[in-house]
PDB file of N, CA and C in Angstrom:
ATOM      1  N   MET A   1      -6.774   3.562  18.614  1.00  0.00           N
ATOM      2  CA  MET A   1      -6.868   2.841  17.282  1.00  0.00           C
ATOM      3  C   MET A   1      -6.948   1.375  17.261  1.00  0.00           C
ATOM      4  N   ARG A   2      -8.153   0.782  16.661  1.00  0.00           N
ATOM      5  CA  ARG A   2      -7.879  -0.760  16.438  1.00  0.00           C
ATOM      6  C   ARG A   2      -7.038  -1.011  15.763  1.00  0.00           C
ATOM      7  N   PRO A   3      -6.103  -2.271  15.741  1.00  0.00           N
ATOM      8  CA  PRO A   3      -5.329  -2.593  15.221  1.00  0.00           C
ATOM      9  C   PRO A   3      -5.687  -2.752  13.744  1.00  0.00           C
ATOM     10  N   ALA A   4      -7.090  -3.534  13.517  1.00  0.00           N
ATOM     11  CA  ALA A   4      -7.543  -3.847  12.016  1.00  0.00           C
ATOM     12  C   ALA A   4      -7.635  -2.627  11.170  1.00  0.00           C
ATOM     13  N   ARG A   5      -8.309  -1.518  11.927  1.00  0.00           N
ATOM     14  CA  ARG A   5      -8.497  -0.276  11.308  1.00  0.00           C
ATOM     15  C   ARG A   5      -6.977  -0.021  10.748  1.00  0.00           C
ATOM     16  N   PHE A   6      -5.916   0.093  11.853  1.00  0.00           N
ATOM     17  CA  PHE A   6      -4.737   0.533  11.122  1.00  0.00           C
ATOM     18  C   PHE A   6      -4.278  -0.056   9.826  1.00  0.00           C
ATOM     19  N   VAL A   7      -4.304  -1.376  10.280  1.00  0.00           N
ATOM     20  CA  VAL A   7      -3.982  -2.273   8.921  1.00  0.00           C
ATOM     21  C   VAL A   7      -4.422  -1.772   7.617  1.00  0.00           C
ATOM     22  N   THR A   8      -5.638  -1.515   7.603  1.00  0.00           N
ATOM     23  CA  THR A   8      -6.715  -1.085   6.644  1.00  0.00           C
ATOM     24  C   THR A   8      -6.164   0.166   6.188  1.00  0.00           C
ATOM     25  N   LEU A   9      -5.664   1.284   6.922  1.00  0.00           N
ATOM     26  CA  LEU A   9      -5.161   2.192   6.581  1.00  0.00           C
ATOM     27  C   LEU A   9      -3.791   2.127   5.910  1.00  0.00           C
ATOM     28  N   CYS A  10      -3.016   1.391   6.644  1.00  0.00           N
ATOM     29  CA  CYS A  10      -1.980   1.056   5.887  1.00  0.00           C
ATOM     30  C   CYS A  10      -1.936   0.380   4.650  1.00  0.00           C
ATOM     31  N   PHE A  11      -2.973  -0.178   4.339  1.00  0.00           N
ATOM     32  CA  PHE A  11      -3.210  -0.916   2.991  1.00  0.00           C
ATOM     33  C   PHE A  11      -3.712   0.316   1.694  1.00  0.00           C
ATOM     34  N   LEU A  12      -4.388   1.216   2.608  1.00  0.00           N
ATOM     35  CA  LEU A  12      -4.838   2.171   1.460  1.00  0.00           C
ATOM     36  C   LEU A  12      -3.578   3.305   1.496  1.00  0.00           C
ATOM     37  N   TYR A  13      -2.867   3.529   2.442  1.00  0.00           N
ATOM     38  CA  TYR A  13      -1.741   4.399   2.029  1.00  0.00           C
ATOM     39  C   TYR A  13      -0.763   3.722   1.055  1.00  0.00           C
ATOM     40  N   SER A  14      -0.526   2.398   1.248  1.00  0.00           N
ATOM     41  CA  SER A  14       0.691   1.816   0.689  1.00  0.00           C
ATOM     42  C   SER A  14       0.156   1.632  -0.932  1.00  0.00           C
ATOM     43  N   GLY A  15      -1.078   1.640  -1.361  1.00  0.00           N
ATOM     44  CA  GLY A  15      -1.701   1.708  -2.621  1.00  0.00           C
ATOM     45  C   GLY A  15      -1.555   2.985  -3.341  1.00  0.00           C
ATOM     46  N   VAL A  16      -2.226   3.886  -2.389  1.00  0.00           N
ATOM     47  CA  VAL A  16      -1.570   5.540  -3.202  1.00  0.00           C
ATOM     48  C   VAL A  16      -0.186   5.837  -3.267  1.00  0.00           C
ATOM     49  N   VAL A  17       0.457   5.268  -2.422  1.00  0.00           N
ATOM     50  CA  VAL A  17       1.897   5.591  -2.475  1.00  0.00           C
ATOM     51  C   VAL A  17       2.534   4.729  -3.910  1.00  0.00           C
ATOM     52  N   LEU A  18       2.123   3.796  -3.999  1.00  0.00           N
ATOM     53  CA  LEU A  18       2.632   2.797  -5.144  1.00  0.00           C
ATOM     54  C   LEU A  18       1.947   3.544  -6.412  1.00  0.00           C
ATOM     55  N   LEU A  19       0.939   3.997  -6.669  1.00  0.00           N
ATOM     56  CA  LEU A  19       0.408   4.734  -7.742  1.00  0.00           C
ATOM     57  C   LEU A  19       0.897   6.201  -8.082  1.00  0.00           C
ATOM     58  N   ALA A  20       1.293   6.948  -6.944  1.00  0.00           N
ATOM     59  CA  ALA A  20       1.950   7.877  -7.177  1.00  0.00           C
ATOM     60  C   ALA A  20       3.309   7.887  -7.418  1.00  0.00           C
ATOM     61  N   GLN A  21       3.805   6.643  -7.071  1.00  0.00           N
ATOM     62  CA  GLN A  21       5.246   6.085  -7.846  1.00  0.00           C
ATOM     63  C   GLN A  21       5.033   6.006  -9.181  1.00  0.00           C
ATOM     64  N   TYR A  22       4.186   5.082  -9.518  1.00  0.00           N
ATOM     65  CA  TYR A  22       3.830   4.748 -11.121  1.00  0.00           C
ATOM     66  C   TYR A  22       3.800   6.274 -11.874  1.00  0.00           C
ATOM     67  N   VAL A  23       2.960   7.213 -11.380  1.00  0.00           N
ATOM     68  CA  VAL A  23       2.844   8.288 -12.030  1.00  0.00           C
ATOM     69  C   VAL A  23       4.214   9.167 -12.130  1.00  0.00           C
ATOM     70  N   ALA A  24       4.769   9.314 -11.154  1.00  0.00           N
ATOM     71  CA  ALA A  24       6.032  10.018 -10.745  1.00  0.00           C
ATOM     72  C   ALA A  24       7.389   9.528 -11.736  1.00  0.00           C
ATOM     73  N   VAL A  25       7.615   8.145 -11.716  1.00  0.00           N
ATOM     74  CA  VAL A  25       8.646   7.629 -11.962  1.00  0.00           C
ATOM     75  C   VAL A  25       8.365   7.122 -13.513  1.00  0.00           C
ATOM     76  N   TYR A  26       7.465   6.510 -13.830  1.00  0.00           N
ATOM     77  CA  TYR A  26       6.997   5.931 -15.306  1.00  0.00           C
ATOM     78  C   TYR A  26       6.227   6.771 -16.204  1.00  0.00           C
ATOM     79  N   ARG A  27       5.531   7.980 -15.610  1.00  0.00           N
ATOM     80  CA  ARG A  27       4.945   8.677 -16.234  1.00  0.00           C
ATOM     81  C   ARG A  27       4.277   8.423 -17.578  1.00  0.00           C
ATOM     82  N   PHE A  28       3.100   7.146 -16.908  1.00  0.00           N
ATOM     83  CA  PHE A  28       2.254   6.543 -18.152  1.00  0.00           C
ATOM     84  C   PHE A  28       2.899   5.972 -19.192  1.00  0.00           C
ATOM     85  N   GLN A  29       4.022   5.321 -18.796  1.00  0.00           N
ATOM     86  CA  GLN A  29       4.759   4.419 -20.172  1.00  0.00           C
ATOM     87  C   GLN A  29       4.042   3.290 -20.151  1.00  0.00           C
ATOM     88  N   VAL A  30       4.502   2.703 -21.423  1.00  0.00           N
ATOM     89  CA  VAL A  30       3.671   1.095 -21.531  1.00  0.00           C
ATOM     90  C   VAL A  30       4.985   0.137 -21.545  1.00  0.00           C
ATOM     91  N   THR A  31       5.258  -0.175 -19.996  1.00  0.00           N
ATOM     92  CA  THR A  31       6.552  -0.947 -20.198  1.00  0.00           C
ATOM     93  C   THR A  31       6.130  -2.140 -19.519  1.00  0.00           C
ATOM     94  N   VAL A  32       6.915  -3.317 -19.348  1.00  0.00           N
ATOM     95  CA  VAL A  32       6.430  -4.258 -18.523  1.00  0.00           C
ATOM     96  C   VAL A  32       6.338  -3.717 -16.651  1.00  0.00           C
ATOM     97  N   GLY A  33       7.398  -3.266 -16.274  1.00  0.00           N
ATOM     98  CA  GLY A  33       7.667  -2.787 -15.250  1.00  0.00           C
ATOM     99  C   GLY A  33       6.649  -1.633 -14.759  1.00  0.00           C
ATOM    100  N   ALA A  34       5.996  -0.764 -15.873  1.00  0.00           N
ATOM    101  CA  ALA A  34       5.087   0.196 -15.328  1.00  0.00           C
ATOM    102  C   ALA A  34       3.799  -0.667 -15.237  1.00  0.00           C
ATOM    103  N   PHE A  35       3.631  -1.617 -15.744  1.00  0.00           N
ATOM    104  CA  PHE A  35       2.141  -2.121 -15.681  1.00  0.00           C
ATOM    105  C   PHE A  35       2.373  -3.076 -14.306  1.00  0.00           C
ATOM    106  N   ALA A  36       3.519  -3.673 -14.236  1.00  0.00           N
ATOM    107  CA  ALA A  36       3.793  -4.298 -12.960  1.00  0.00           C
ATOM    108  C   ALA A  36       3.319  -3.440 -11.596  1.00  0.00           C
ATOM    109  N   GLN A  37       4.111  -2.330 -11.578  1.00  0.00           N
ATOM    110  CA  GLN A  37       3.656  -1.434 -10.639  1.00  0.00           C
ATOM    111  C   GLN A  37       2.374  -0.788 -10.297  1.00  0.00           C
ATOM    112  N   LEU A  38       1.609  -0.671 -11.698  1.00  0.00           N
ATOM    113  CA  LEU A  38       0.380  -0.115 -11.564  1.00  0.00           C
ATOM    114  C   LEU A  38      -0.534  -1.398 -11.340  1.00  0.00           C
ATOM    115  N   GLY A  39      -0.381  -2.653 -11.382  1.00  0.00           N
ATOM    116  CA  GLY A  39      -1.043  -3.884 -10.995  1.00  0.00           C
ATOM    117  C   GLY A  39      -0.913  -3.627  -9.390  1.00  0.00           C
ATOM    118  N   VAL A  40       0.253  -3.670  -8.756  1.00  0.00           N
ATOM    119  CA  VAL A  40       0.374  -4.049  -7.622  1.00  0.00           C
ATOM    120  C   VAL A  40      -0.339  -2.921  -6.748  1.00  0.00           C
ATOM    121  N   GLY A  41      -0.080  -1.270  -7.316  1.00  0.00           N
ATOM    122  CA  GLY A  41      -0.862  -0.343  -6.541  1.00  0.00           C
ATOM    123  C   GLY A  41      -2.182  -0.679  -6.404  1.00  0.00           C
ATOM    124  N   LEU A  42      -2.691  -0.888  -7.538  1.00  0.00           N
ATOM    125  CA  LEU A  42      -4.268  -0.992  -7.550  1.00  0.00           C
ATOM    126  C   LEU A  42      -4.892  -2.222  -6.886  1.00  0.00           C
ATOM    127  N   SER A  43      -3.704  -3.320  -6.756  1.00  0.00           N
ATOM    128  CA  SER A  43      -4.062  -4.473  -6.120  1.00  0.00           C
ATOM    129  C   SER A  43      -4.299  -4.263  -4.468  1.00  0.00           C
ATOM    130  N   ILE A  44      -3.089  -3.392  -4.220  1.00  0.00           N
ATOM    131  CA  ILE A  44      -3.043  -3.276  -2.763  1.00  0.00           C
ATOM    132  C   ILE A  44      -4.282  -1.982  -2.462  1.00  0.00           C
ATOM    133  N   LEU A  45      -4.399  -1.158  -3.116  1.00  0.00           N
ATOM    134  CA  LEU A  45      -5.655  -0.268  -2.612  1.00  0.00           C
ATOM    135  C   LEU A  45      -6.667  -0.782  -3.171  1.00  0.00           C
ATOM    136  N   ALA A  46      -7.009  -1.938  -3.873  1.00  0.00           N
ATOM    137  CA  ALA A  46      -8.596  -2.329  -3.888  1.00  0.00           C
ATOM    138  C   ALA A  46      -8.371  -3.270  -2.449  1.00  0.00           C
ATOM    139  N   ALA A  47      -7.552  -4.098  -1.935  1.00  0.00           N
ATOM    140  CA  ALA A  47      -7.866  -4.602  -0.961  1.00  0.00           C
ATOM    141  C   ALA A  47      -7.962  -3.882   0.457  1.00  0.00           C
ATOM    142  N   GLY A  48      -7.590  -2.649   0.115  1.00  0.00           N
ATOM    143  CA  GLY A  48      -7.621  -1.517   1.388  1.00  0.00           C
ATOM    144  C   GLY A  48      -8.987  -1.342   1.467  1.00  0.00           C
ATOM    145  N   LEU A  49      -9.684  -0.863  -0.046  1.00  0.00           N
ATOM    146  CA  LEU A  49     -10.939  -0.533   0.076  1.00  0.00           C
ATOM    147  C   LEU A  49     -12.058  -1.702   0.576  1.00  0.00           C
ATOM    148  N   VAL A  50     -11.421  -3.005   0.104  1.00  0.00           N
ATOM    149  CA  VAL A  50     -12.408  -4.248   0.499  1.00  0.00           C
ATOM    150  C   VAL A  50     -12.623  -3.891   2.020  1.00  0.00           C
ATOM    151  N   ARG A  51     -11.368  -3.974   2.845  1.00  0.00           N
ATOM    152  CA  ARG A  51     -11.017  -4.053   4.205  1.00  0.00           C
ATOM    153  C   ARG A  51     -11.895  -2.866   4.710  1.00  0.00           C
ATOM    154  N   LEU A  52     -12.111  -1.853   4.066  1.00  0.00           N
ATOM    155  CA  LEU A  52     -12.729  -0.717   4.736  1.00  0.00           C
ATOM    156  C   LEU A  52     -14.307  -0.821   4.612  1.00  0.00           C
ATOM    157  N   ARG A  53     -14.931  -1.629   3.310  1.00  0.00           N
ATOM    158  CA  ARG A  53     -16.041  -1.543   3.259  1.00  0.00           C
ATOM    159  C   ARG A  53     -16.746  -2.659   4.151  1.00  0.00           C
ATOM    160  N   TYR A  54     -15.991  -3.696   4.265  1.00  0.00           N
ATOM    161  CA  TYR A  54     -16.455  -5.041   5.115  1.00  0.00           C
ATOM    162  C   TYR A  54     -15.223  -5.176   6.269  1.00  0.00           C
ATOM    163  N   PRO A  55     -15.211  -4.498   7.358  1.00  0.00           N
ATOM    164  CA  PRO A  55     -13.909  -4.545   8.408  1.00  0.00           C
ATOM    165  C   PRO A  55     -14.499  -5.909   8.995  1.00  0.00           C
ATOM    166  N   ASP A  56     -15.685  -6.596   9.157  1.00  0.00           N
ATOM    167  CA  ASP A  56     -15.456  -7.414  10.228  1.00  0.00           C
ATOM    168  C   ASP A  56     -15.565  -8.857   9.425  1.00  0.00           C
ATOM    169  N   GLU A  57     -15.510  -8.866   7.862  1.00  0.00           N
ATOM    170  CA  GLU A  57     -15.619 -10.247   7.089  1.00  0.00           C
ATOM    171  C   GLU A  57     -14.195 -10.620   6.910  1.00  0.00           C
ATOM    172  N   GLU A  58     -13.205  -9.964   7.233  1.00  0.00           N
ATOM    173  CA  GLU A  58     -11.875 -10.341   6.522  1.00  0.00           C
ATOM    174  C   GLU A  58     -11.350 -11.326   7.774  1.00  0.00           C
ATOM    175  N   ARG A  59     -10.772 -12.269   7.478  1.00  0.00           N
ATOM    176  CA  ARG A  59     -10.362 -13.668   8.267  1.00  0.00           C
ATOM    177  C   ARG A  59      -9.057 -13.200   9.408  1.00  0.00           C
ATOM    178  N   ASP A  60      -8.075 -12.337   8.408  1.00  0.00           N
ATOM    179  CA  ASP A  60      -6.983 -11.887   8.937  1.00  0.00           C
ATOM    180  C   ASP A  60      -6.793 -10.585   9.648  1.00  0.00           C
ATOM    181  N   ASN A  61      -8.049 -10.075  10.456  1.00  0.00           N
ATOM    182  CA  ASN A  61      -8.007  -8.580  10.913  1.00  0.00           C
ATOM    183  C   ASN A  61      -7.238  -9.125  12.420  1.00  0.00           C
ATOM    184  N   PRO A  62      -6.152  -8.286  12.583  1.00  0.00           N
ATOM    185  CA  PRO A  62      -5.315  -8.686  13.780  1.00  0.00           C
ATOM    186  C   PRO A  62      -6.590  -8.117  14.972  1.00  0.00           C
ATOM    187  N   ALA A  63      -6.802  -8.792  15.944  1.00  0.00           N
ATOM    188  CA  ALA A  63      -7.512  -8.154  17.061  1.00  0.00           C
ATOM    189  C   ALA A  63      -6.538  -7.571  18.084  1.00  0.00           C
ATOM    190  N   GLU A  64      -5.279  -7.620  18.054  1.00  0.00           N
ATOM    191  CA  GLU A  64      -4.441  -7.237  18.788  1.00  0.00           C
ATOM    192  C   GLU A  64      -2.930  -6.666  18.353  1.00  0.00           C
ATOM    193  N   TRP A  65      -2.112  -5.860  18.687  1.00  0.00           N
ATOM    194  CA  TRP A  65      -1.035  -5.248  18.098  1.00  0.00           C
ATOM    195  C   TRP A  65      -0.100  -6.368  18.017  1.00  0.00           C
ATOM    196  N   GLY A  66       0.421  -6.782  16.960  1.00  0.00           N
ATOM    197  CA  GLY A  66       1.408  -7.820  16.878  1.00  0.00           C
ATOM    198  C   GLY A  66       2.321  -7.441  15.618  1.00  0.00           C
ATOM    199  N   LEU A  67       2.776  -8.587  15.001  1.00  0.00           N
ATOM    200  CA  LEU A  67       3.870  -8.741  14.175  1.00  0.00           C
ATOM    201  C   LEU A  67       3.338  -8.227  12.542  1.00  0.00           C
ATOM    202  N   PHE A  68       2.141  -8.652  12.301  1.00  0.00           N
ATOM    203  CA  PHE A  68       1.407  -8.255  11.246  1.00  0.00           C
ATOM    204  C   PHE A  68       1.161  -6.767  11.147  1.00  0.00           C
ATOM    205  N   THR A  69       0.628  -6.270  11.915  1.00  0.00           N
ATOM    206  CA  THR A  69       0.381  -5.084  12.199  1.00  0.00           C
ATOM    207  C   THR A  69       1.510  -4.025  12.216  1.00  0.00           C
ATOM    208  N   TYR A  70       2.549  -4.562  12.897  1.00  0.00           N
ATOM    209  CA  TYR A  70       4.017  -3.814  12.682  1.00  0.00           C
ATOM    210  C   TYR A  70       4.700  -3.958  11.331  1.00  0.00           C
ATOM    211  N   GLY A  71       4.188  -5.022  10.753  1.00  0.00           N
ATOM    212  CA  GLY A  71       4.977  -5.417   9.459  1.00  0.00           C
ATOM    213  C   GLY A  71       4.381  -4.531   8.474  1.00  0.00           C
ATOM    214  N   MET A  72       3.078  -4.249   8.667  1.00  0.00           N
ATOM    215  CA  MET A  72       2.352  -3.444   7.575  1.00  0.00           C
ATOM    216  C   MET A  72       2.796  -1.772   7.540  1.00  0.00           C
ATOM    217  N   ALA A  73       2.949  -1.417   9.063  1.00  0.00           N
ATOM    218  CA  ALA A  73       3.630  -0.166   9.285  1.00  0.00           C
ATOM    219  C   ALA A  73       5.016  -0.190   8.778  1.00  0.00           C
ATOM    220  N   GLY A  74       5.910  -1.101   8.733  1.00  0.00           N
ATOM    221  CA  GLY A  74       7.081  -1.139   8.235  1.00  0.00           C
ATOM    222  C   GLY A  74       7.090  -0.958   6.710  1.00  0.00           C
ATOM    223  N   LEU A  75       6.009  -1.851   5.961  1.00  0.00           N
ATOM    224  CA  LEU A  75       5.795  -1.801   4.808  1.00  0.00           C
ATOM    225  C   LEU A  75       6.029  -0.265   4.168  1.00  0.00           C
ATOM    226  N   ALA A  76       4.611   0.144   4.857  1.00  0.00           N
ATOM    227  CA  ALA A  76       4.219   1.564   4.487  1.00  0.00           C
ATOM    228  C   ALA A  76       5.452   2.581   4.552  1.00  0.00           C
ATOM    229  N   LEU A  77       6.264   2.770   5.456  1.00  0.00           N
ATOM    230  CA  LEU A  77       7.464   3.417   5.746  1.00  0.00           C
ATOM    231  C   LEU A  77       8.544   3.251   4.696  1.00  0.00           C
ATOM    232  N   PHE A  78       8.885   1.824   4.474  1.00  0.00           N
ATOM    233  CA  PHE A  78       9.574   1.397   3.344  1.00  0.00           C
ATOM    234  C   PHE A  78       9.326   2.066   2.080  1.00  0.00           C
ATOM    235  N   LEU A  79       7.918   1.742   1.616  1.00  0.00           N
ATOM    236  CA  LEU A  79       7.543   2.263   0.524  1.00  0.00           C
ATOM    237  C   LEU A  79       7.610   3.824   0.243  1.00  0.00           C
ATOM    238  N   THR A  80       7.288   4.322   1.352  1.00  0.00           N
ATOM    239  CA  THR A  80       7.759   5.868   1.289  1.00  0.00           C
ATOM    240  C   THR A  80       9.142   6.543   1.148  1.00  0.00           C
ATOM    241  N   GLY A  81       9.734   5.466   1.872  1.00  0.00           N
ATOM    242  CA  GLY A  81      11.119   5.810   1.614  1.00  0.00           C
ATOM    243  C   GLY A  81      11.995   5.722   0.024  1.00  0.00           C
ATOM    244  N   ILE A  82      11.369   4.697  -0.360  1.00  0.00           N
ATOM    245  CA  ILE A  82      11.860   4.267  -1.687  1.00  0.00           C
ATOM    246  C   ILE A  82      11.180   5.466  -2.644  1.00  0.00           C
ATOM    247  N   PHE A  83       9.977   5.743  -2.563  1.00  0.00           N
ATOM    248  CA  PHE A  83       9.323   6.749  -3.225  1.00  0.00           C
ATOM    249  C   PHE A  83      10.100   8.168  -3.433  1.00  0.00           C
ATOM    250  N   LEU A  84      10.420   8.453  -2.105  1.00  0.00           N
ATOM    251  CA  LEU A  84      11.026   9.726  -2.007  1.00  0.00           C
ATOM    252  C   LEU A  84      12.506   9.992  -2.057  1.00  0.00           C
ATOM    253  N   ALA A  85      13.005   8.632  -2.325  1.00  0.00           N
ATOM    254  CA  ALA A  85      14.578   8.213  -2.799  1.00  0.00           C
ATOM    255  C   ALA A  85      14.373   8.200  -4.108  1.00  0.00           C
ATOM    256  N   GLN A  86      13.548   7.924  -4.943  1.00  0.00           N
ATOM    257  CA  GLN A  86      13.288   7.924  -6.557  1.00  0.00           C
ATOM    258  C   GLN A  86      13.094   9.686  -6.735  1.00  0.00           C
ATOM    259  N   LEU A  87      12.161  10.104  -5.953  1.00  0.00           N
ATOM    260  CA  LEU A  87      12.060  11.660  -6.435  1.00  0.00           C
ATOM    261  C   LEU A  87      13.216  12.525  -6.437  1.00  0.00           C
ATOM    262  N   VAL A  88      14.402  11.962  -5.423  1.00  0.00           N
ATOM    263  CA  VAL A  88      15.274  12.644  -5.361  1.00  0.00           C
ATOM    264  C   VAL A  88      16.307  12.472  -6.699  1.00  0.00           C
ATOM    265  N   VAL A  89      16.565  11.054  -7.045  1.00  0.00           N
ATOM    266  CA  VAL A  89      17.281  10.749  -8.118  1.00  0.00           C
ATOM    267  C   VAL A  89      16.647  11.463  -9.490  1.00  0.00           C
ATOM    268  N   LEU A  90      15.408  11.439  -9.636  1.00  0.00           N
ATOM    269  CA  LEU A  90      14.705  12.128 -10.663  1.00  0.00           C
ATOM    270  C   LEU A  90      15.239  13.427 -10.969  1.00  0.00           C
TER     271      LEU A  90
END
């Protein structure tokens, strides 16, 4: 798999996890924290969809496996860990 495609999938995955976290934790509440969570989740998901739609036009597409690619993988794992921990606490 190309690193650029992997980063795009990480964006999509992270956006979906953040939206699922919004639904599970805030349950559609109207608070500042809920809107921040929803906004960040939608923004990251939109960035992933734009990268998916126009894969060659993105300026920061990594051509090789490097710090950005591994950072996105780490972010996705970190978000998943936080989400799972919140599910256990709830």
